[in-house]
PDB file of N, CA and C in Angstrom:
ATOM      1  N   UNK A   1      74.360-115.982-212.186  1.00  0.00           N
ATOM      2  CA  UNK A   1      74.702-115.723-210.643  1.00  0.00           C
ATOM      3  C   UNK A   1      75.212-114.288-210.646  1.00  0.00           C
ATOM      4  N   UNK A   2      75.971-113.834-211.598  1.00  0.00           N
ATOM      5  CA  UNK A   2      76.571-112.606-211.575  1.00  0.00           C
ATOM      6  C   UNK A   2      75.427-111.261-211.398  1.00  0.00           C
ATOM      7  N   UNK A   3      74.260-111.747-212.117  1.00  0.00           N
ATOM      8  CA  UNK A   3      73.331-110.542-212.011  1.00  0.00           C
ATOM      9  C   UNK A   3      72.934-110.640-210.517  1.00  0.00           C
ATOM     10  N   UNK A   4      72.635-111.799-209.965  1.00  0.00           N
ATOM     11  CA  UNK A   4      72.046-111.840-208.517  1.00  0.00           C
ATOM     12  C   UNK A   4      72.949-111.086-207.682  1.00  0.00           C
ATOM     13  N   UNK A   5      74.352-111.318-207.871  1.00  0.00           N
ATOM     14  CA  UNK A   5      75.392-110.660-206.897  1.00  0.00           C
ATOM     15  C   UNK A   5      75.288-109.083-206.911  1.00  0.00           C
ATOM     16  N   UNK A   6      75.157-108.764-207.923  1.00  0.00           N
ATOM     17  CA  UNK A   6      75.012-107.124-208.187  1.00  0.00           C
ATOM     18  C   UNK A   6      73.882-106.644-207.489  1.00  0.00           C
ATOM     19  N   UNK A   7      72.867-107.214-207.189  1.00  0.00           N
ATOM     20  CA  UNK A   7      71.770-106.756-206.467  1.00  0.00           C
ATOM     21  C   UNK A   7      72.147-106.779-204.832  1.00  0.00           C
ATOM     22  N   UNK A   8      73.268-107.156-204.460  1.00  0.00           N
ATOM     23  CA  UNK A   8      73.702-107.293-203.099  1.00  0.00           C
ATOM     24  C   UNK A   8      74.630-106.077-202.777  1.00  0.00           C
ATOM     25  N   UNK A   9      74.414-105.304-201.644  1.00  0.00           N
ATOM     26  CA  UNK A   9      75.244-104.318-201.269  1.00  0.00           C
ATOM     27  C   UNK A   9      76.576-104.525-200.789  1.00  0.00           C
ATOM     28  N   UNK A  10      76.645-105.157-199.612  1.00  0.00           N
ATOM     29  CA  UNK A  10      77.755-105.204-198.973  1.00  0.00           C
ATOM     30  C   UNK A  10      78.544-106.478-199.363  1.00  0.00           C
ATOM     31  N   UNK A  11      79.915-106.190-199.261  1.00  0.00           N
ATOM     32  CA  UNK A  11      80.918-107.478-199.532  1.00  0.00           C
ATOM     33  C   UNK A  11      80.780-108.513-198.699  1.00  0.00           C
ATOM     34  N   UNK A  12      80.284-108.289-197.547  1.00  0.00           N
ATOM     35  CA  UNK A  12      80.048-109.513-196.635  1.00  0.00           C
ATOM     36  C   UNK A  12      78.943-110.313-196.880  1.00  0.00           C
ATOM     37  N   UNK A  13      77.649-109.626-197.494  1.00  0.00           N
ATOM     38  CA  UNK A  13      76.618-110.257-198.040  1.00  0.00           C
ATOM     39  C   UNK A  13      76.891-110.942-199.182  1.00  0.00           C
ATOM     40  N   UNK A  14      77.599-110.476-200.047  1.00  0.00           N
ATOM     41  CA  UNK A  14      78.040-111.090-201.310  1.00  0.00           C
ATOM     42  C   UNK A  14      78.731-112.207-201.045  1.00  0.00           C
ATOM     43  N   UNK A  15      79.663-112.249-200.175  1.00  0.00           N
ATOM     44  CA  UNK A  15      80.338-113.550-199.748  1.00  0.00           C
ATOM     45  C   UNK A  15      79.435-114.595-199.139  1.00  0.00           C
ATOM     46  N   UNK A  16      78.597-114.283-198.306  1.00  0.00           N
ATOM     47  CA  UNK A  16      77.654-115.157-197.641  1.00  0.00           C
ATOM     48  C   UNK A  16      76.502-115.880-198.678  1.00  0.00           C
ATOM     49  N   UNK A  17      76.473-114.910-199.612  1.00  0.00           N
ATOM     50  CA  UNK A  17      75.560-115.413-200.872  1.00  0.00           C
ATOM     51  C   UNK A  17      76.123-116.518-201.884  1.00  0.00           C
ATOM     52  N   UNK A  18      77.235-116.020-202.085  1.00  0.00           N
ATOM     53  CA  UNK A  18      78.330-117.092-202.917  1.00  0.00           C
ATOM     54  C   UNK A  18      78.300-118.445-202.171  1.00  0.00           C
ATOM     55  N   UNK A  19      78.651-118.477-200.730  1.00  0.00           N
ATOM     56  CA  UNK A  19      78.511-119.588-200.053  1.00  0.00           C
ATOM     57  C   UNK A  19      77.235-120.356-200.078  1.00  0.00           C
ATOM     58  N   UNK A  20      76.307-119.598-199.956  1.00  0.00           N
ATOM     59  CA  UNK A  20      75.000-120.236-199.972  1.00  0.00           C
ATOM     60  C   UNK A  20      74.725-120.901-201.251  1.00  0.00           C
ATOM     61  N   UNK A  21      75.155-120.038-202.430  1.00  0.00           N
ATOM     62  CA  UNK A  21      75.007-120.628-203.782  1.00  0.00           C
ATOM     63  C   UNK A  21      75.600-121.928-203.909  1.00  0.00           C
ATOM     64  N   UNK A  22      76.999-121.948-203.705  1.00  0.00           N
ATOM     65  CA  UNK A  22      77.822-123.013-203.984  1.00  0.00           C
ATOM     66  C   UNK A  22      77.453-124.265-202.971  1.00  0.00           C
ATOM     67  N   UNK A  23      76.907-123.774-201.933  1.00  0.00           N
ATOM     68  CA  UNK A  23      76.783-125.154-200.866  1.00  0.00           C
ATOM     69  C   UNK A  23      75.213-125.626-201.313  1.00  0.00           C
ATOM     70  N   UNK A  24      74.448-124.946-201.626  1.00  0.00           N
ATOM     71  CA  UNK A  24      72.946-125.474-201.693  1.00  0.00           C
ATOM     72  C   UNK A  24      72.402-125.428-202.986  1.00  0.00           C
ATOM     73  N   UNK A  25      73.020-125.017-204.149  1.00  0.00           N
ATOM     74  CA  UNK A  25      72.257-125.084-205.311  1.00  0.00           C
ATOM     75  C   UNK A  25      71.765-126.425-205.794  1.00  0.00           C
ATOM     76  N   UNK A  26      72.301-127.527-205.546  1.00  0.00           N
ATOM     77  CA  UNK A  26      72.163-128.663-205.889  1.00  0.00           C
ATOM     78  C   UNK A  26      70.887-129.277-205.064  1.00  0.00           C
ATOM     79  N   UNK A  27      70.829-128.890-203.926  1.00  0.00           N
ATOM     80  CA  UNK A  27      69.826-129.175-203.042  1.00  0.00           C
ATOM     81  C   UNK A  27      68.442-128.639-203.304  1.00  0.00           C
ATOM     82  N   UNK A  28      68.506-127.344-203.685  1.00  0.00           N
ATOM     83  CA  UNK A  28      67.518-126.345-204.009  1.00  0.00           C
ATOM     84  C   UNK A  28      66.882-127.001-205.327  1.00  0.00           C
ATOM     85  N   UNK A  29      68.005-127.277-206.359  1.00  0.00           N
ATOM     86  CA  UNK A  29      67.324-127.753-207.675  1.00  0.00           C
ATOM     87  C   UNK A  29      66.577-129.267-207.608  1.00  0.00           C
ATOM     88  N   UNK A  30      67.243-130.081-206.546  1.00  0.00           N
ATOM     89  CA  UNK A  30      66.428-131.269-206.366  1.00  0.00           C
ATOM     90  C   UNK A  30      65.096-131.190-205.737  1.00  0.00           C
ATOM     91  N   UNK A  31      65.030-130.388-204.686  1.00  0.00           N
ATOM     92  CA  UNK A  31      63.788-130.133-203.877  1.00  0.00           C
ATOM     93  C   UNK A  31      62.554-129.376-204.884  1.00  0.00           C
ATOM     94  N   UNK A  32      63.096-128.389-205.844  1.00  0.00           N
ATOM     95  CA  UNK A  32      62.204-127.876-206.673  1.00  0.00           C
ATOM     96  C   UNK A  32      61.801-129.034-207.993  1.00  0.00           C
ATOM     97  N   UNK A  33      62.658-129.623-208.324  1.00  0.00           N
ATOM     98  CA  UNK A  33      62.504-130.720-209.316  1.00  0.00           C
ATOM     99  C   UNK A  33      61.448-131.708-208.961  1.00  0.00           C
ATOM    100  N   UNK A  34      61.508-132.039-207.534  1.00  0.00           N
ATOM    101  CA  UNK A  34      60.781-133.056-206.867  1.00  0.00           C
ATOM    102  C   UNK A  34      59.219-132.662-207.101  1.00  0.00           C
ATOM    103  N   UNK A  35      59.112-131.197-207.035  1.00  0.00           N
ATOM    104  CA  UNK A  35      57.705-130.812-206.829  1.00  0.00           C
ATOM    105  C   UNK A  35      57.174-130.651-208.214  1.00  0.00           C
ATOM    106  N   UNK A  36      58.138-129.890-208.996  1.00  0.00           N
ATOM    107  CA  UNK A  36      57.766-129.620-210.339  1.00  0.00           C
ATOM    108  C   UNK A  36      57.798-130.750-211.610  1.00  0.00           C
ATOM    109  N   UNK A  37      58.904-131.503-211.310  1.00  0.00           N
ATOM    110  CA  UNK A  37      59.067-132.552-212.236  1.00  0.00           C
ATOM    111  C   UNK A  37      59.683-132.121-213.726  1.00  0.00           C
ATOM    112  N   UNK A  38      60.036-130.950-213.889  1.00  0.00           N
ATOM    113  CA  UNK A  38      60.604-130.577-215.099  1.00  0.00           C
ATOM    114  C   UNK A  38      61.927-129.885-214.891  1.00  0.00           C
ATOM    115  N   UNK A  39      62.804-129.879-215.766  1.00  0.00           N
ATOM    116  CA  UNK A  39      64.175-129.275-215.535  1.00  0.00           C
ATOM    117  C   UNK A  39      63.998-127.961-215.733  1.00  0.00           C
ATOM    118  N   UNK A  40      63.233-127.239-216.678  1.00  0.00           N
ATOM    119  CA  UNK A  40      63.068-125.775-216.991  1.00  0.00           C
ATOM    120  C   UNK A  40      62.380-125.271-215.795  1.00  0.00           C
ATOM    121  N   UNK A  41      61.234-125.878-215.298  1.00  0.00           N
ATOM    122  CA  UNK A  41      60.306-125.245-214.338  1.00  0.00           C
ATOM    123  C   UNK A  41      61.236-125.215-212.930  1.00  0.00           C
ATOM    124  N   UNK A  42      62.140-126.218-212.549  1.00  0.00           N
ATOM    125  CA  UNK A  42      62.786-126.192-211.394  1.00  0.00           C
ATOM    126  C   UNK A  42      63.965-125.161-211.451  1.00  0.00           C
ATOM    127  N   UNK A  43      64.460-125.111-212.704  1.00  0.00           N
ATOM    128  CA  UNK A  43      65.621-123.910-212.725  1.00  0.00           C
ATOM    129  C   UNK A  43      64.841-122.586-212.494  1.00  0.00           C
ATOM    130  N   UNK A  44      63.875-122.447-212.721  1.00  0.00           N
ATOM    131  CA  UNK A  44      63.097-121.327-212.741  1.00  0.00           C
ATOM    132  C   UNK A  44      62.855-120.953-211.189  1.00  0.00           C
ATOM    133  N   UNK A  45      62.153-122.026-210.548  1.00  0.00           N
ATOM    134  CA  UNK A  45      61.881-121.935-209.192  1.00  0.00           C
ATOM    135  C   UNK A  45      63.222-121.705-208.403  1.00  0.00           C
ATOM    136  N   UNK A  46      64.427-122.325-208.623  1.00  0.00           N
ATOM    137  CA  UNK A  46      65.520-121.927-207.900  1.00  0.00           C
ATOM    138  C   UNK A  46      66.144-120.509-208.260  1.00  0.00           C
ATOM    139  N   UNK A  47      65.744-120.103-209.503  1.00  0.00           N
ATOM    140  CA  UNK A  47      66.118-118.840-209.777  1.00  0.00           C
ATOM    141  C   UNK A  47      65.344-117.768-208.694  1.00  0.00           C
ATOM    142  N   UNK A  48      64.058-117.890-208.729  1.00  0.00           N
ATOM    143  CA  UNK A  48      62.990-117.104-207.865  1.00  0.00           C
ATOM    144  C   UNK A  48      63.563-117.465-206.206  1.00  0.00           C
ATOM    145  N   UNK A  49      63.898-118.461-205.994  1.00  0.00           N
ATOM    146  CA  UNK A  49      64.288-118.644-204.438  1.00  0.00           C
ATOM    147  C   UNK A  49      65.583-117.768-204.196  1.00  0.00           C
ATOM    148  N   UNK A  50      66.592-117.914-205.164  1.00  0.00           N
ATOM    149  CA  UNK A  50      67.641-117.119-204.812  1.00  0.00           C
ATOM    150  C   UNK A  50      67.479-115.513-204.885  1.00  0.00           C
ATOM    151  N   UNK A  51      66.554-115.074-205.579  1.00  0.00           N
ATOM    152  CA  UNK A  51      66.051-113.783-205.482  1.00  0.00           C
ATOM    153  C   UNK A  51      65.481-113.492-204.174  1.00  0.00           C
ATOM    154  N   UNK A  52      64.688-114.451-203.531  1.00  0.00           N
ATOM    155  CA  UNK A  52      63.977-114.345-202.348  1.00  0.00           C
ATOM    156  C   UNK A  52      65.195-114.243-201.115  1.00  0.00           C
ATOM    157  N   UNK A  53      66.114-115.201-201.397  1.00  0.00           N
ATOM    158  CA  UNK A  53      67.037-115.289-200.373  1.00  0.00           C
ATOM    159  C   UNK A  53      67.984-114.101-200.221  1.00  0.00           C
ATOM    160  N   UNK A  54      68.068-113.458-201.289  1.00  0.00           N
ATOM    161  CA  UNK A  54      68.961-112.071-201.343  1.00  0.00           C
ATOM    162  C   UNK A  54      68.347-111.004-200.214  1.00  0.00           C
ATOM    163  N   UNK A  55      66.981-111.054-200.206  1.00  0.00           N
ATOM    164  CA  UNK A  55      66.393-110.052-199.515  1.00  0.00           C
ATOM    165  C   UNK A  55      66.323-110.537-198.005  1.00  0.00           C
ATOM    166  N   UNK A  56      66.433-111.731-197.647  1.00  0.00           N
ATOM    167  CA  UNK A  56      66.718-112.349-196.432  1.00  0.00           C
ATOM    168  C   UNK A  56      67.860-112.922-195.821  1.00  0.00           C
ATOM    169  N   UNK A  57      68.916-112.357-196.401  1.00  0.00           N
ATOM    170  CA  UNK A  57      70.136-112.819-196.057  1.00  0.00           C
ATOM    171  C   UNK A  57      70.555-112.297-194.407  1.00  0.00           C
ATOM    172  N   UNK A  58      69.791-111.173-194.114  1.00  0.00           N
ATOM    173  CA  UNK A  58      70.233-111.039-192.504  1.00  0.00           C
ATOM    174  C   UNK A  58      69.561-112.014-191.606  1.00  0.00           C
ATOM    175  N   UNK A  59      68.778-112.969-192.163  1.00  0.00           N
ATOM    176  CA  UNK A  59      68.090-114.077-191.332  1.00  0.00           C
ATOM    177  C   UNK A  59      69.126-115.017-191.120  1.00  0.00           C
ATOM    178  N   UNK A  60      70.134-115.165-192.076  1.00  0.00           N
ATOM    179  CA  UNK A  60      70.897-116.324-192.303  1.00  0.00           C
ATOM    180  C   UNK A  60      72.497-116.044-191.493  1.00  0.00           C
ATOM    181  N   UNK A  61      72.579-116.551-190.387  1.00  0.00           N
ATOM    182  CA  UNK A  61      73.857-116.375-189.628  1.00  0.00           C
ATOM    183  C   UNK A  61      74.968-117.266-189.843  1.00  0.00           C
ATOM    184  N   UNK A  62      74.660-118.413-189.843  1.00  0.00           N
ATOM    185  CA  UNK A  62      75.697-119.489-190.165  1.00  0.00           C
ATOM    186  C   UNK A  62      75.384-120.440-191.394  1.00  0.00           C
ATOM    187  N   UNK A  63      76.050-120.130-192.586  1.00  0.00           N
ATOM    188  CA  UNK A  63      75.766-120.828-193.734  1.00  0.00           C
ATOM    189  C   UNK A  63      75.898-122.423-193.521  1.00  0.00           C
ATOM    190  N   UNK A  64      76.678-122.899-192.894  1.00  0.00           N
ATOM    191  CA  UNK A  64      76.803-124.355-192.786  1.00  0.00           C
ATOM    192  C   UNK A  64      76.015-125.103-191.754  1.00  0.00           C
ATOM    193  N   UNK A  65      74.932-124.145-191.011  1.00  0.00           N
ATOM    194  CA  UNK A  65      74.191-124.926-190.040  1.00  0.00           C
ATOM    195  C   UNK A  65      72.838-125.542-190.817  1.00  0.00           C
ATOM    196  N   UNK A  66      72.436-126.482-189.946  1.00  0.00           N
ATOM    197  CA  UNK A  66      71.296-127.294-190.342  1.00  0.00           C
ATOM    198  C   UNK A  66      70.020-126.312-190.511  1.00  0.00           C
ATOM    199  N   UNK A  67      69.984-125.355-189.591  1.00  0.00           N
ATOM    200  CA  UNK A  67      68.872-124.382-189.500  1.00  0.00           C
ATOM    201  C   UNK A  67      68.837-123.643-190.968  1.00  0.00           C
ATOM    202  N   UNK A  68      69.871-123.227-191.407  1.00  0.00           N
ATOM    203  CA  UNK A  68      69.956-122.636-192.832  1.00  0.00           C
ATOM    204  C   UNK A  68      69.655-123.534-193.864  1.00  0.00           C
ATOM    205  N   UNK A  69      70.110-124.609-193.772  1.00  0.00           N
ATOM    206  CA  UNK A  69      69.622-125.578-194.944  1.00  0.00           C
ATOM    207  C   UNK A  69      67.969-125.964-194.794  1.00  0.00           C
ATOM    208  N   UNK A  70      67.529-125.784-193.860  1.00  0.00           N
ATOM    209  CA  UNK A  70      66.116-126.169-193.532  1.00  0.00           C
ATOM    210  C   UNK A  70      65.426-124.999-194.086  1.00  0.00           C
ATOM    211  N   UNK A  71      66.102-123.707-193.814  1.00  0.00           N
ATOM    212  CA  UNK A  71      65.559-122.559-194.124  1.00  0.00           C
ATOM    213  C   UNK A  71      65.378-122.321-195.676  1.00  0.00           C
ATOM    214  N   UNK A  72      66.541-122.626-196.321  1.00  0.00           N
ATOM    215  CA  UNK A  72      66.693-122.704-197.972  1.00  0.00           C
ATOM    216  C   UNK A  72      65.756-123.843-198.495  1.00  0.00           C
ATOM    217  N   UNK A  73      65.771-124.985-197.955  1.00  0.00           N
ATOM    218  CA  UNK A  73      64.828-125.877-198.457  1.00  0.00           C
ATOM    219  C   UNK A  73      63.353-125.531-198.510  1.00  0.00           C
ATOM    220  N   UNK A  74      62.969-124.979-197.396  1.00  0.00           N
ATOM    221  CA  UNK A  74      61.712-124.483-197.216  1.00  0.00           C
ATOM    222  C   UNK A  74      61.178-123.505-198.010  1.00  0.00           C
ATOM    223  N   UNK A  75      62.067-122.455-198.105  1.00  0.00           N
ATOM    224  CA  UNK A  75      62.035-121.458-199.270  1.00  0.00           C
ATOM    225  C   UNK A  75      61.666-121.859-200.773  1.00  0.00           C
ATOM    226  N   UNK A  76      62.595-122.844-200.892  1.00  0.00           N
ATOM    227  CA  UNK A  76      62.519-123.507-202.254  1.00  0.00           C
ATOM    228  C   UNK A  76      61.383-124.320-202.662  1.00  0.00           C
ATOM    229  N   UNK A  77      60.931-124.903-201.608  1.00  0.00           N
ATOM    230  CA  UNK A  77      59.819-125.835-201.792  1.00  0.00           C
ATOM    231  C   UNK A  77      58.550-124.913-201.857  1.00  0.00           C
ATOM    232  N   UNK A  78      58.356-123.742-201.064  1.00  0.00           N
ATOM    233  CA  UNK A  78      57.185-123.085-201.055  1.00  0.00           C
ATOM    234  C   UNK A  78      57.037-122.246-202.528  1.00  0.00           C
ATOM    235  N   UNK A  79      58.477-121.777-203.016  1.00  0.00           N
ATOM    236  CA  UNK A  79      58.675-121.158-204.358  1.00  0.00           C
ATOM    237  C   UNK A  79      57.978-122.140-205.416  1.00  0.00           C
ATOM    238  N   UNK A  80      58.695-123.291-205.302  1.00  0.00           N
ATOM    239  CA  UNK A  80      58.238-124.420-206.220  1.00  0.00           C
ATOM    240  C   UNK A  80      56.758-124.497-206.398  1.00  0.00           C
ATOM    241  N   UNK A  81      56.043-124.662-205.081  1.00  0.00           N
ATOM    242  CA  UNK A  81      54.478-124.971-205.045  1.00  0.00           C
ATOM    243  C   UNK A  81      53.927-123.681-205.864  1.00  0.00           C
ATOM    244  N   UNK A  82      54.482-122.416-205.580  1.00  0.00           N
ATOM    245  CA  UNK A  82      53.735-121.366-206.234  1.00  0.00           C
ATOM    246  C   UNK A  82      53.870-121.484-207.650  1.00  0.00           C
ATOM    247  N   UNK A  83      55.061-121.925-208.172  1.00  0.00           N
ATOM    248  CA  UNK A  83      55.181-122.185-209.687  1.00  0.00           C
ATOM    249  C   UNK A  83      54.330-123.200-209.976  1.00  0.00           C
ATOM    250  N   UNK A  84      54.062-124.175-209.433  1.00  0.00           N
ATOM    251  CA  UNK A  84      53.291-125.319-209.707  1.00  0.00           C
ATOM    252  C   UNK A  84      51.759-124.622-209.874  1.00  0.00           C
ATOM    253  N   UNK A  85      51.442-123.948-208.827  1.00  0.00           N
ATOM    254  CA  UNK A  85      50.039-123.393-208.973  1.00  0.00           C
ATOM    255  C   UNK A  85      50.027-122.528-210.191  1.00  0.00           C
ATOM    256  N   UNK A  86      50.948-121.675-210.376  1.00  0.00           N
ATOM    257  CA  UNK A  86      50.787-120.814-211.539  1.00  0.00           C
ATOM    258  C   UNK A  86      50.779-121.427-212.867  1.00  0.00           C
ATOM    259  N   UNK A  87      51.452-122.637-212.905  1.00  0.00           N
ATOM    260  CA  UNK A  87      51.548-123.565-214.214  1.00  0.00           C
ATOM    261  C   UNK A  87      50.102-124.134-214.427  1.00  0.00           C
ATOM    262  N   UNK A  88      49.535-124.427-213.311  1.00  0.00           N
ATOM    263  CA  UNK A  88      48.406-125.281-213.236  1.00  0.00           C
ATOM    264  C   UNK A  88      47.053-124.257-213.724  1.00  0.00           C
ATOM    265  N   UNK A  89      47.405-123.110-213.187  1.00  0.00           N
ATOM    266  CA  UNK A  89      46.421-122.050-213.407  1.00  0.00           C
ATOM    267  C   UNK A  89      46.487-121.673-214.898  1.00  0.00           C
ATOM    268  N   UNK A  90      47.568-121.614-215.397  1.00  0.00           N
ATOM    269  CA  UNK A  90      47.670-121.091-216.763  1.00  0.00           C
ATOM    270  C   UNK A  90      47.014-122.137-217.787  1.00  0.00           C
ATOM    271  N   UNK A  91      47.499-123.573-217.580  1.00  0.00           N
ATOM    272  CA  UNK A  91      47.044-124.504-218.351  1.00  0.00           C
ATOM    273  C   UNK A  91      45.413-124.501-218.140  1.00  0.00           C
ATOM    274  N   UNK A  92      44.881-124.524-217.107  1.00  0.00           N
ATOM    275  CA  UNK A  92      43.437-124.322-217.049  1.00  0.00           C
ATOM    276  C   UNK A  92      42.796-123.303-217.852  1.00  0.00           C
ATOM    277  N   UNK A  93      43.308-122.014-217.744  1.00  0.00           N
ATOM    278  CA  UNK A  93      43.017-120.816-218.511  1.00  0.00           C
ATOM    279  C   UNK A  93      43.126-121.300-220.047  1.00  0.00           C
ATOM    280  N   UNK A  94      44.215-121.793-220.336  1.00  0.00           N
ATOM    281  CA  UNK A  94      44.465-122.175-221.789  1.00  0.00           C
ATOM    282  C   UNK A  94      43.281-123.192-222.397  1.00  0.00           C
ATOM    283  N   UNK A  95      43.115-124.157-221.576  1.00  0.00           N
ATOM    284  CA  UNK A  95      41.981-125.176-221.680  1.00  0.00           C
ATOM    285  C   UNK A  95      40.531-124.476-221.996  1.00  0.00           C
ATOM    286  N   UNK A  96      40.262-123.554-221.003  1.00  0.00           N
ATOM    287  CA  UNK A  96      39.182-122.813-221.147  1.00  0.00           C
ATOM    288  C   UNK A  96      39.072-121.890-222.397  1.00  0.00           C
ATOM    289  N   UNK A  97      40.028-121.376-222.652  1.00  0.00           N
ATOM    290  CA  UNK A  97      40.116-120.467-224.049  1.00  0.00           C
ATOM    291  C   UNK A  97      39.805-121.344-225.217  1.00  0.00           C
ATOM    292  N   UNK A  98      40.623-122.544-225.155  1.00  0.00           N
ATOM    293  CA  UNK A  98      40.380-123.446-226.325  1.00  0.00           C
ATOM    294  C   UNK A  98      38.931-123.872-226.353  1.00  0.00           C
ATOM    295  N   UNK A  99      38.338-124.086-225.360  1.00  0.00           N
ATOM    296  CA  UNK A  99      37.118-124.535-225.351  1.00  0.00           C
ATOM    297  C   UNK A  99      36.005-123.591-225.837  1.00  0.00           C
ATOM    298  N   UNK A 100      36.273-122.266-225.429  1.00  0.00           N
ATOM    299  CA  UNK A 100      35.379-121.115-225.845  1.00  0.00           C
ATOM    300  C   UNK A 100      35.396-120.963-227.310  1.00  0.00           C
ATOM    301  N   UNK A 101      36.743-120.930-227.826  1.00  0.00           N
ATOM    302  CA  UNK A 101      36.825-120.946-229.194  1.00  0.00           C
ATOM    303  C   UNK A 101      36.420-121.948-230.110  1.00  0.00           C
ATOM    304  N   UNK A 102      36.570-123.200-229.498  1.00  0.00           N
ATOM    305  CA  UNK A 102      35.819-124.354-230.191  1.00  0.00           C
ATOM    306  C   UNK A 102      34.226-124.144-230.200  1.00  0.00           C
ATOM    307  N   UNK A 103      33.717-123.524-229.159  1.00  0.00           N
ATOM    308  CA  UNK A 103      32.265-123.643-228.969  1.00  0.00           C
ATOM    309  C   UNK A 103      31.695-122.404-229.951  1.00  0.00           C
ATOM    310  N   UNK A 104      32.542-121.579-230.056  1.00  0.00           N
ATOM    311  CA  UNK A 104      32.105-120.275-230.769  1.00  0.00           C
ATOM    312  C   UNK A 104      32.317-120.717-232.438  1.00  0.00           C
ATOM    313  N   UNK A 105      33.296-121.310-232.674  1.00  0.00           N
ATOM    314  CA  UNK A 105      33.569-122.167-234.119  1.00  0.00           C
ATOM    315  C   UNK A 105      32.194-122.862-234.485  1.00  0.00           C
ATOM    316  N   UNK A 106      31.846-123.620-233.617  1.00  0.00           N
ATOM    317  CA  UNK A 106      30.764-124.669-233.723  1.00  0.00           C
ATOM    318  C   UNK A 106      29.559-123.975-234.136  1.00  0.00           C
ATOM    319  N   UNK A 107      29.272-122.784-233.306  1.00  0.00           N
ATOM    320  CA  UNK A 107      28.081-121.945-233.409  1.00  0.00           C
ATOM    321  C   UNK A 107      28.159-121.280-234.805  1.00  0.00           C
ATOM    322  N   UNK A 108      29.253-120.837-235.169  1.00  0.00           N
ATOM    323  CA  UNK A 108      29.303-120.104-236.558  1.00  0.00           C
ATOM    324  C   UNK A 108      28.984-121.071-237.538  1.00  0.00           C
ATOM    325  N   UNK A 109      29.516-122.314-237.507  1.00  0.00           N
ATOM    326  CA  UNK A 109      29.064-123.009-238.575  1.00  0.00           C
ATOM    327  C   UNK A 109      27.804-123.700-238.703  1.00  0.00           C
ATOM    328  N   UNK A 110      27.184-123.639-237.734  1.00  0.00           N
ATOM    329  CA  UNK A 110      25.689-123.928-237.420  1.00  0.00           C
ATOM    330  C   UNK A 110      24.875-122.954-238.125  1.00  0.00           C
ATOM    331  N   UNK A 111      25.190-121.645-238.125  1.00  0.00           N
ATOM    332  CA  UNK A 111      24.521-120.556-238.520  1.00  0.00           C
ATOM    333  C   UNK A 111      24.424-120.616-240.221  1.00  0.00           C
TER     334      UNK A 111
END
């Protein structure tokens, strides 16, 4: 979290971010884990979400409001979905690469 706080300019925003972090970190992790199903993946999604929230701190007026909670959960879910798509795309690419290598190896054996 210390690295994230250094990216924030004003003391007011740093304080706001600390309150958001302390209040919503568990909810964010739960939302990301529900989509991704893995601890490492969920933690990565939460980290990315925290970076996104830093650039949108001006949109958050009251840290304790239901609107803020909904906003944070929405950003977390969208980030987790993006991570899921990236993981899925990487696995698909890896499978295709393995198939191509396997087919190439079979052709070389036939020759």
